C-alpha atoms as a PDB file:
ATOM      1  CA  MET A   1      41.957  39.544  32.372  1.00  0.00           C
ATOM      2  CA  SER A   2      38.167  39.923  31.856  1.00  0.00           C
ATOM      3  CA  ASN A   3      37.691  41.992  35.065  1.00  0.00           C
ATOM      4  CA  ILE A   4      40.277  44.735  33.974  1.00  0.00           C
ATOM      5  CA  ILE A   5      38.592  48.021  33.733  1.00  0.00           C
ATOM      6  CA  ARG A   6      40.310  50.764  31.666  1.00  0.00           C
ATOM      7  CA  LEU A   7      39.881  54.337  32.914  1.00  0.00           C
ATOM      8  CA  SER A   8      38.757  55.301  29.376  1.00  0.00           C
ATOM      9  CA  ASP A   9      35.850  52.857  29.620  1.00  0.00           C
ATOM     10  CA  TYR A  10      34.821  54.472  33.054  1.00  0.00           C
ATOM     11  CA  ALA A  11      35.099  57.957  31.661  1.00  0.00           C
ATOM     12  CA  HIS A  12      33.147  57.031  28.538  1.00  0.00           C
ATOM     13  CA  LYS A  13      30.216  55.635  30.718  1.00  0.00           C
ATOM     14  CA  LYS A  14      30.051  58.757  32.795  1.00  0.00           C
ATOM     15  CA  ALA A  15      30.060  61.137  29.708  1.00  0.00           C
ATOM     16  CA  TYR A  16      27.157  62.598  28.202  1.00  0.00           C
ATOM     17  CA  LYS A  17      26.656  61.530  24.583  1.00  0.00           C
ATOM     18  CA  ALA A  18      24.821  62.405  21.302  1.00  0.00           C
ATOM     19  CA  GLU A  19      24.821  60.987  17.889  1.00  0.00           C
ATOM     20  CA  ILE A  20      25.341  63.253  14.876  1.00  0.00           C
ATOM     21  CA  ASP A  21      25.146  62.662  11.225  1.00  0.00           C
ATOM     22  CA  VAL A  22      27.495  64.980   9.397  1.00  0.00           C
ATOM     23  CA  ALA A  23      25.833  66.742   6.557  1.00  0.00           C
ATOM     24  CA  HIS A  24      27.032  66.086   3.095  1.00  0.00           C
ATOM     25  CA  ASP A  25      28.102  69.707   2.635  1.00  0.00           C
ATOM     26  CA  CYS A  26      30.113  69.821   5.849  1.00  0.00           C
ATOM     27  CA  PRO A  27      33.849  69.242   5.138  1.00  0.00           C
ATOM     28  CA  ILE A  28      35.334  66.889   7.677  1.00  0.00           C
ATOM     29  CA  ASN A  29      37.895  69.383   8.518  1.00  0.00           C
ATOM     30  CA  ASP A  30      35.173  71.817   9.695  1.00  0.00           C
ATOM     31  CA  PHE A  31      33.387  69.161  11.712  1.00  0.00           C
ATOM     32  CA  MET A  32      36.808  68.252  13.406  1.00  0.00           C
ATOM     33  CA  GLY A  33      37.354  71.883  14.128  1.00  0.00           C
ATOM     34  CA  TRP A  34      33.917  72.066  15.745  1.00  0.00           C
ATOM     35  CA  ILE A  35      34.884  68.900  17.810  1.00  0.00           C
ATOM     36  CA  GLU A  36      38.126  70.735  19.084  1.00  0.00           C
ATOM     37  CA  LYS A  37      36.389  74.042  19.707  1.00  0.00           C
ATOM     38  CA  TYR A  38      34.142  72.347  22.326  1.00  0.00           C
ATOM     39  CA  GLY A  39      36.630  69.863  23.569  1.00  0.00           C
ATOM     40  CA  LEU A  40      34.440  66.883  22.619  1.00  0.00           C
ATOM     41  CA  SER A  41      35.387  63.317  21.945  1.00  0.00           C
ATOM     42  CA  GLN A  42      34.243  61.560  18.793  1.00  0.00           C
ATOM     43  CA  HIS A  43      33.707  57.904  17.804  1.00  0.00           C
ATOM     44  CA  LEU A  44      32.828  57.036  14.335  1.00  0.00           C
ATOM     45  CA  ILE A  45      29.699  54.740  14.406  1.00  0.00           C
ATOM     46  CA  ALA A  46      29.249  54.255  10.652  1.00  0.00           C
ATOM     47  CA  VAL A  47      30.999  55.604   7.545  1.00  0.00           C
ATOM     48  CA  ASN A  48      27.584  55.522   5.698  1.00  0.00           C
ATOM     49  CA  GLY A  49      25.193  56.612   8.408  1.00  0.00           C
ATOM     50  CA  PRO A  50      21.314  56.588   8.259  1.00  0.00           C
ATOM     51  CA  GLY A  51      20.967  60.039   6.915  1.00  0.00           C
ATOM     52  CA  GLY A  52      21.806  59.327   3.350  1.00  0.00           C
ATOM     53  CA  GLY A  53      25.320  57.895   3.378  1.00  0.00           C
ATOM     54  CA  ASN A  54      26.873  60.571   5.459  1.00  0.00           C
ATOM     55  CA  PRO A  55      29.228  59.663   8.303  1.00  0.00           C
ATOM     56  CA  CYS A  56      27.521  59.180  11.687  1.00  0.00           C
ATOM     57  CA  PHE A  57      29.553  60.007  14.855  1.00  0.00           C
ATOM     58  CA  GLU A  58      28.839  59.588  18.572  1.00  0.00           C
ATOM     59  CA  ILE A  59      30.228  62.681  20.297  1.00  0.00           C
ATOM     60  CA  THR A  60      30.895  62.856  24.098  1.00  0.00           C
ATOM     61  CA  HIS A  61      31.733  65.388  26.757  1.00  0.00           C
ATOM     62  CA  PRO A  62      31.773  64.878  30.733  1.00  0.00           C
ATOM     63  CA  ASN A  63      29.790  68.120  30.989  1.00  0.00           C
ATOM     64  CA  ARG A  64      26.183  68.036  29.778  1.00  0.00           C
ATOM     65  CA  ASP A  65      26.104  71.888  29.344  1.00  0.00           C
ATOM     66  CA  THR A  66      29.028  71.927  27.144  1.00  0.00           C
ATOM     67  CA  LEU A  67      27.612  69.132  24.917  1.00  0.00           C
ATOM     68  CA  ALA A  68      24.181  70.956  24.666  1.00  0.00           C
ATOM     69  CA  ALA A  69      26.053  74.305  23.653  1.00  0.00           C
ATOM     70  CA  ALA A  70      27.992  72.328  20.967  1.00  0.00           C
ATOM     71  CA  LEU A  71      24.958  70.723  19.622  1.00  0.00           C
ATOM     72  CA  SER A  72      23.091  74.141  19.722  1.00  0.00           C
ATOM     73  CA  ASP A  73      25.835  75.731  17.798  1.00  0.00           C
ATOM     74  CA  TYR A  74      25.888  72.783  15.158  1.00  0.00           C
ATOM     75  CA  HIS A  75      22.152  72.624  14.668  1.00  0.00           C
ATOM     76  CA  GLY A  76      21.395  76.435  15.169  1.00  0.00           C
ATOM     77  CA  GLU A  77      18.924  75.524  17.786  1.00  0.00           C
ATOM     78  CA  PRO A  78      18.483  77.283  21.270  1.00  0.00           C
ATOM     79  CA  VAL A  79      20.264  75.317  24.035  1.00  0.00           C
ATOM     80  CA  SER A  80      16.957  74.903  25.812  1.00  0.00           C
ATOM     81  CA  SER A  81      15.107  73.375  22.840  1.00  0.00           C
ATOM     82  CA  THR A  82      13.510  69.996  23.083  1.00  0.00           C
ATOM     83  CA  PHE A  83      15.368  68.838  20.170  1.00  0.00           C
ATOM     84  CA  ILE A  84      18.735  69.452  21.901  1.00  0.00           C
ATOM     85  CA  ASN A  85      17.597  67.905  25.179  1.00  0.00           C
ATOM     86  CA  GLU A  86      16.168  64.826  23.677  1.00  0.00           C
ATOM     87  CA  ASN A  87      19.343  63.966  21.787  1.00  0.00           C
ATOM     88  CA  ILE A  88      21.580  63.857  24.789  1.00  0.00           C
ATOM     89  CA  TYR A  89      22.034  60.578  26.750  1.00  0.00           C
ATOM     90  CA  GLN A  90      24.366  59.092  29.153  1.00  0.00           C
END
């Protein structure tokens, strides 16, 4: 049983990822609407994240450009900014 590989595990490893700390003034419904708008997947890392007790999520998408556009929209930064590019990993 230990050598069973689920398709979701494979897809997650191939996806581009970023961690995001949801601001205290961002209602969770707005955050989930943003997730749906860009077709992202999310995984709760910590209910009380490192940014002052707000939830911290890992967001993923198989396309790096889509994830960069989503982060650009969320943070109000240009897609080409160093901040956006340094926060995406695989």
